[in-house]
Amino acid sequence: MPVVLIAASLVLAGWAGWRALRDQPVILRQLIAGAVLEGILVVQMIVAGVQIARGHEVDPVLLWGYLITALLLLPAAAVVAVAERSRWSSVVLGAACLTVVAMQVRVHQLWTGGV
């Protein structure tokens, strides 16, 4: 699941970056794409909860910290996108997506037993 989220987040970050370079704000289609990412994050959290309940060994504080923070980033970027109708909304969305990528890399490392 992290691989799907990483790929989708990179695509949305690239799209937001392209719009920022062209001095354009976030558009509704980007917000919809962010909502789809948000849905995938929720599914990931449900799957993680079930797997942990079944006995998967993982540091729960770190894992849930990354998952919850990633879940809150995209709605925060969406609020900025609606409030700030300039290129900076695209910059914020791109930065949020790249942060989700970094967090998903860490989630994958934690889940597979890495440090």
C-alpha atoms as a PDB file:
ATOM      1  CA  MET A   1       0.000   0.000   0.000  1.00  0.00           C
ATOM      2  CA  PRO A   2       2.792   2.523   0.703  1.00  0.00           C
ATOM      3  CA  VAL A   3       4.086   2.082  -2.866  1.00  0.00           C
ATOM      4  CA  VAL A   4       0.707   3.125  -4.295  1.00  0.00           C
ATOM      5  CA  LEU A   5       0.570   6.132  -1.982  1.00  0.00           C
ATOM      6  CA  ILE A   6       4.134   7.129  -2.813  1.00  0.00           C
ATOM      7  CA  ALA A   7       3.490   6.953  -6.554  1.00  0.00           C
ATOM      8  CA  ALA A   8       0.187   8.822  -6.359  1.00  0.00           C
ATOM      9  CA  SER A   9       1.661  11.479  -4.065  1.00  0.00           C
ATOM     10  CA  LEU A  10       4.597  12.003  -6.418  1.00  0.00           C
ATOM     11  CA  VAL A  11       2.238  12.440  -9.361  1.00  0.00           C
ATOM     12  CA  LEU A  12       0.141  14.989  -7.473  1.00  0.00           C
ATOM     13  CA  ALA A  13       3.275  16.770  -6.228  1.00  0.00           C
ATOM     14  CA  GLY A  14       4.564  16.998  -9.793  1.00  0.00           C
ATOM     15  CA  TRP A  15       1.228  18.338 -11.000  1.00  0.00           C
ATOM     16  CA  ALA A  16       1.185  20.941  -8.218  1.00  0.00           C
ATOM     17  CA  GLY A  17       4.799  21.849  -8.944  1.00  0.00           C
ATOM     18  CA  TRP A  18       4.009  22.318 -12.627  1.00  0.00           C
ATOM     19  CA  ARG A  19       1.138  24.651 -11.772  1.00  0.00           C
ATOM     20  CA  ALA A  20       3.316  26.560  -9.294  1.00  0.00           C
ATOM     21  CA  LEU A  21       5.974  27.071 -11.969  1.00  0.00           C
ATOM     22  CA  ARG A  22       3.282  28.415 -14.274  1.00  0.00           C
ATOM     23  CA  ASP A  23       2.109  30.802 -11.510  1.00  0.00           C
ATOM     24  CA  GLN A  24      -1.281  29.069 -11.167  1.00  0.00           C
ATOM     25  CA  PRO A  25      -3.265  28.108  -8.050  1.00  0.00           C
ATOM     26  CA  VAL A  26      -4.606  24.685  -7.154  1.00  0.00           C
ATOM     27  CA  ILE A  27      -7.668  23.615  -9.145  1.00  0.00           C
ATOM     28  CA  LEU A  28     -10.644  21.473  -8.143  1.00  0.00           C
ATOM     29  CA  ARG A  29      -9.302  18.377  -9.936  1.00  0.00           C
ATOM     30  CA  GLN A  30      -6.185  18.519  -7.771  1.00  0.00           C
ATOM     31  CA  LEU A  31      -8.313  18.734  -4.640  1.00  0.00           C
ATOM     32  CA  ILE A  32     -10.281  15.710  -5.828  1.00  0.00           C
ATOM     33  CA  ALA A  33      -7.012  13.831  -6.408  1.00  0.00           C
ATOM     34  CA  GLY A  34      -5.971  14.788  -2.880  1.00  0.00           C
ATOM     35  CA  ALA A  35      -9.282  13.433  -1.568  1.00  0.00           C
ATOM     36  CA  VAL A  36      -8.614  10.135  -3.349  1.00  0.00           C
ATOM     37  CA  LEU A  37      -5.182  10.003  -1.689  1.00  0.00           C
ATOM     38  CA  GLU A  38      -6.868  10.722   1.617  1.00  0.00           C
ATOM     39  CA  GLY A  39      -9.216   7.788   1.072  1.00  0.00           C
ATOM     40  CA  ILE A  40      -6.286   5.482   0.352  1.00  0.00           C
ATOM     41  CA  LEU A  41      -4.624   6.696   3.559  1.00  0.00           C
ATOM     42  CA  VAL A  42      -7.768   5.812   5.521  1.00  0.00           C
ATOM     43  CA  VAL A  43      -7.795   2.328   3.964  1.00  0.00           C
ATOM     44  CA  GLN A  44      -4.112   1.969   4.875  1.00  0.00           C
ATOM     45  CA  MET A  45      -4.888   2.870   8.485  1.00  0.00           C
ATOM     46  CA  ILE A  46      -7.703   0.309   8.651  1.00  0.00           C
ATOM     47  CA  VAL A  47      -5.481  -2.413   7.190  1.00  0.00           C
ATOM     48  CA  ALA A  48      -2.675  -1.497   9.613  1.00  0.00           C
ATOM     49  CA  GLY A  49      -5.073  -1.632  12.559  1.00  0.00           C
ATOM     50  CA  VAL A  50      -6.333  -5.064  11.544  1.00  0.00           C
ATOM     51  CA  GLN A  51      -2.812  -6.394  10.999  1.00  0.00           C
ATOM     52  CA  ILE A  52      -1.619  -5.072  14.353  1.00  0.00           C
ATOM     53  CA  ALA A  53      -4.653  -6.630  16.038  1.00  0.00           C
ATOM     54  CA  ARG A  54      -3.671  -9.933  14.434  1.00  0.00           C
ATOM     55  CA  GLY A  55      -0.217  -9.715  15.976  1.00  0.00           C
ATOM     56  CA  HIS A  56       2.034  -7.897  13.505  1.00  0.00           C
ATOM     57  CA  GLU A  57       5.028  -6.566  15.456  1.00  0.00           C
ATOM     58  CA  VAL A  58       5.654  -2.857  14.908  1.00  0.00           C
ATOM     59  CA  ASP A  59       6.325   0.190  17.086  1.00  0.00           C
ATOM     60  CA  PRO A  60       2.749   1.492  17.393  1.00  0.00           C
ATOM     61  CA  VAL A  61       3.658   5.014  18.500  1.00  0.00           C
ATOM     62  CA  LEU A  62       5.881   5.654  15.489  1.00  0.00           C
ATOM     63  CA  LEU A  63       3.576   3.945  13.018  1.00  0.00           C
ATOM     64  CA  TRP A  64       0.411   5.721  14.147  1.00  0.00           C
ATOM     65  CA  GLY A  65       2.289   9.003  14.461  1.00  0.00           C
ATOM     66  CA  TYR A  66       3.296   8.821  10.806  1.00  0.00           C
ATOM     67  CA  LEU A  67      -0.112   7.603   9.635  1.00  0.00           C
ATOM     68  CA  ILE A  68      -2.121  10.233  11.519  1.00  0.00           C
ATOM     69  CA  THR A  69       0.202  13.062  10.525  1.00  0.00           C
ATOM     70  CA  ALA A  70       0.031  12.013   6.860  1.00  0.00           C
ATOM     71  CA  LEU A  71      -3.758  11.889   7.162  1.00  0.00           C
ATOM     72  CA  LEU A  72      -3.880  15.491   8.426  1.00  0.00           C
ATOM     73  CA  LEU A  73      -1.499  17.004   5.846  1.00  0.00           C
ATOM     74  CA  LEU A  74      -3.689  16.901   2.750  1.00  0.00           C
ATOM     75  CA  PRO A  75      -6.779  18.464   4.366  1.00  0.00           C
ATOM     76  CA  ALA A  76      -4.548  21.230   5.741  1.00  0.00           C
ATOM     77  CA  ALA A  77      -3.130  21.814   2.249  1.00  0.00           C
ATOM     78  CA  ALA A  78      -6.689  21.866   0.866  1.00  0.00           C
ATOM     79  CA  VAL A  79      -7.673  24.577   3.357  1.00  0.00           C
ATOM     80  CA  VAL A  80      -4.687  26.658   2.237  1.00  0.00           C
ATOM     81  CA  ALA A  81      -5.593  26.011  -1.407  1.00  0.00           C
ATOM     82  CA  VAL A  82      -9.106  27.330  -0.903  1.00  0.00           C
ATOM     83  CA  ALA A  83      -8.004  30.319   1.190  1.00  0.00           C
ATOM     84  CA  GLU A  84      -4.951  31.319  -0.866  1.00  0.00           C
ATOM     85  CA  ARG A  85      -5.807  31.636  -4.544  1.00  0.00           C
ATOM     86  CA  SER A  86      -2.267  32.171  -5.800  1.00  0.00           C
ATOM     87  CA  ARG A  87       0.629  30.011  -6.910  1.00  0.00           C
ATOM     88  CA  TRP A  88       1.474  29.472  -3.246  1.00  0.00           C
ATOM     89  CA  SER A  89      -1.490  27.134  -2.909  1.00  0.00           C
ATOM     90  CA  SER A  90       0.190  24.896  -5.487  1.00  0.00           C
ATOM     91  CA  VAL A  91       3.485  25.138  -3.607  1.00  0.00           C
ATOM     92  CA  VAL A  92       1.773  24.121  -0.347  1.00  0.00           C
ATOM     93  CA  LEU A  93       0.003  21.180  -2.004  1.00  0.00           C
ATOM     94  CA  GLY A  94       3.267  20.017  -3.569  1.00  0.00           C
ATOM     95  CA  ALA A  95       5.092  20.271  -0.253  1.00  0.00           C
ATOM     96  CA  ALA A  96       2.322  18.346   1.528  1.00  0.00           C
ATOM     97  CA  CYS A  97       2.481  15.586  -1.082  1.00  0.00           C
ATOM     98  CA  LEU A  98       6.261  15.314  -0.784  1.00  0.00           C
ATOM     99  CA  THR A  99       5.907  15.108   2.988  1.00  0.00           C
ATOM    100  CA  VAL A 100       3.391  12.287   2.574  1.00  0.00           C
ATOM    101  CA  VAL A 101       5.959  10.526   0.373  1.00  0.00           C
ATOM    102  CA  ALA A 102       8.622  10.809   3.090  1.00  0.00           C
ATOM    103  CA  MET A 103       6.204   9.535   5.718  1.00  0.00           C
ATOM    104  CA  GLN A 104       5.145   6.600   3.560  1.00  0.00           C
ATOM    105  CA  VAL A 105       8.771   5.611   3.061  1.00  0.00           C
ATOM    106  CA  ARG A 106       9.132   5.575   6.853  1.00  0.00           C
ATOM    107  CA  VAL A 107       5.878   3.616   7.288  1.00  0.00           C
ATOM    108  CA  HIS A 108       7.175   1.020   4.829  1.00  0.00           C
ATOM    109  CA  GLN A 109      10.485   0.797   6.711  1.00  0.00           C
ATOM    110  CA  LEU A 110       8.712   0.359  10.046  1.00  0.00           C
ATOM    111  CA  TRP A 111       6.273  -2.187   8.654  1.00  0.00           C
ATOM    112  CA  THR A 112       8.977  -4.355   7.091  1.00  0.00           C
ATOM    113  CA  GLY A 113      11.076  -4.353  10.236  1.00  0.00           C
ATOM    114  CA  GLY A 114      13.569  -1.651   9.304  1.00  0.00           C
ATOM    115  CA  VAL A 115      14.840   0.897  11.764  1.00  0.00           C
END
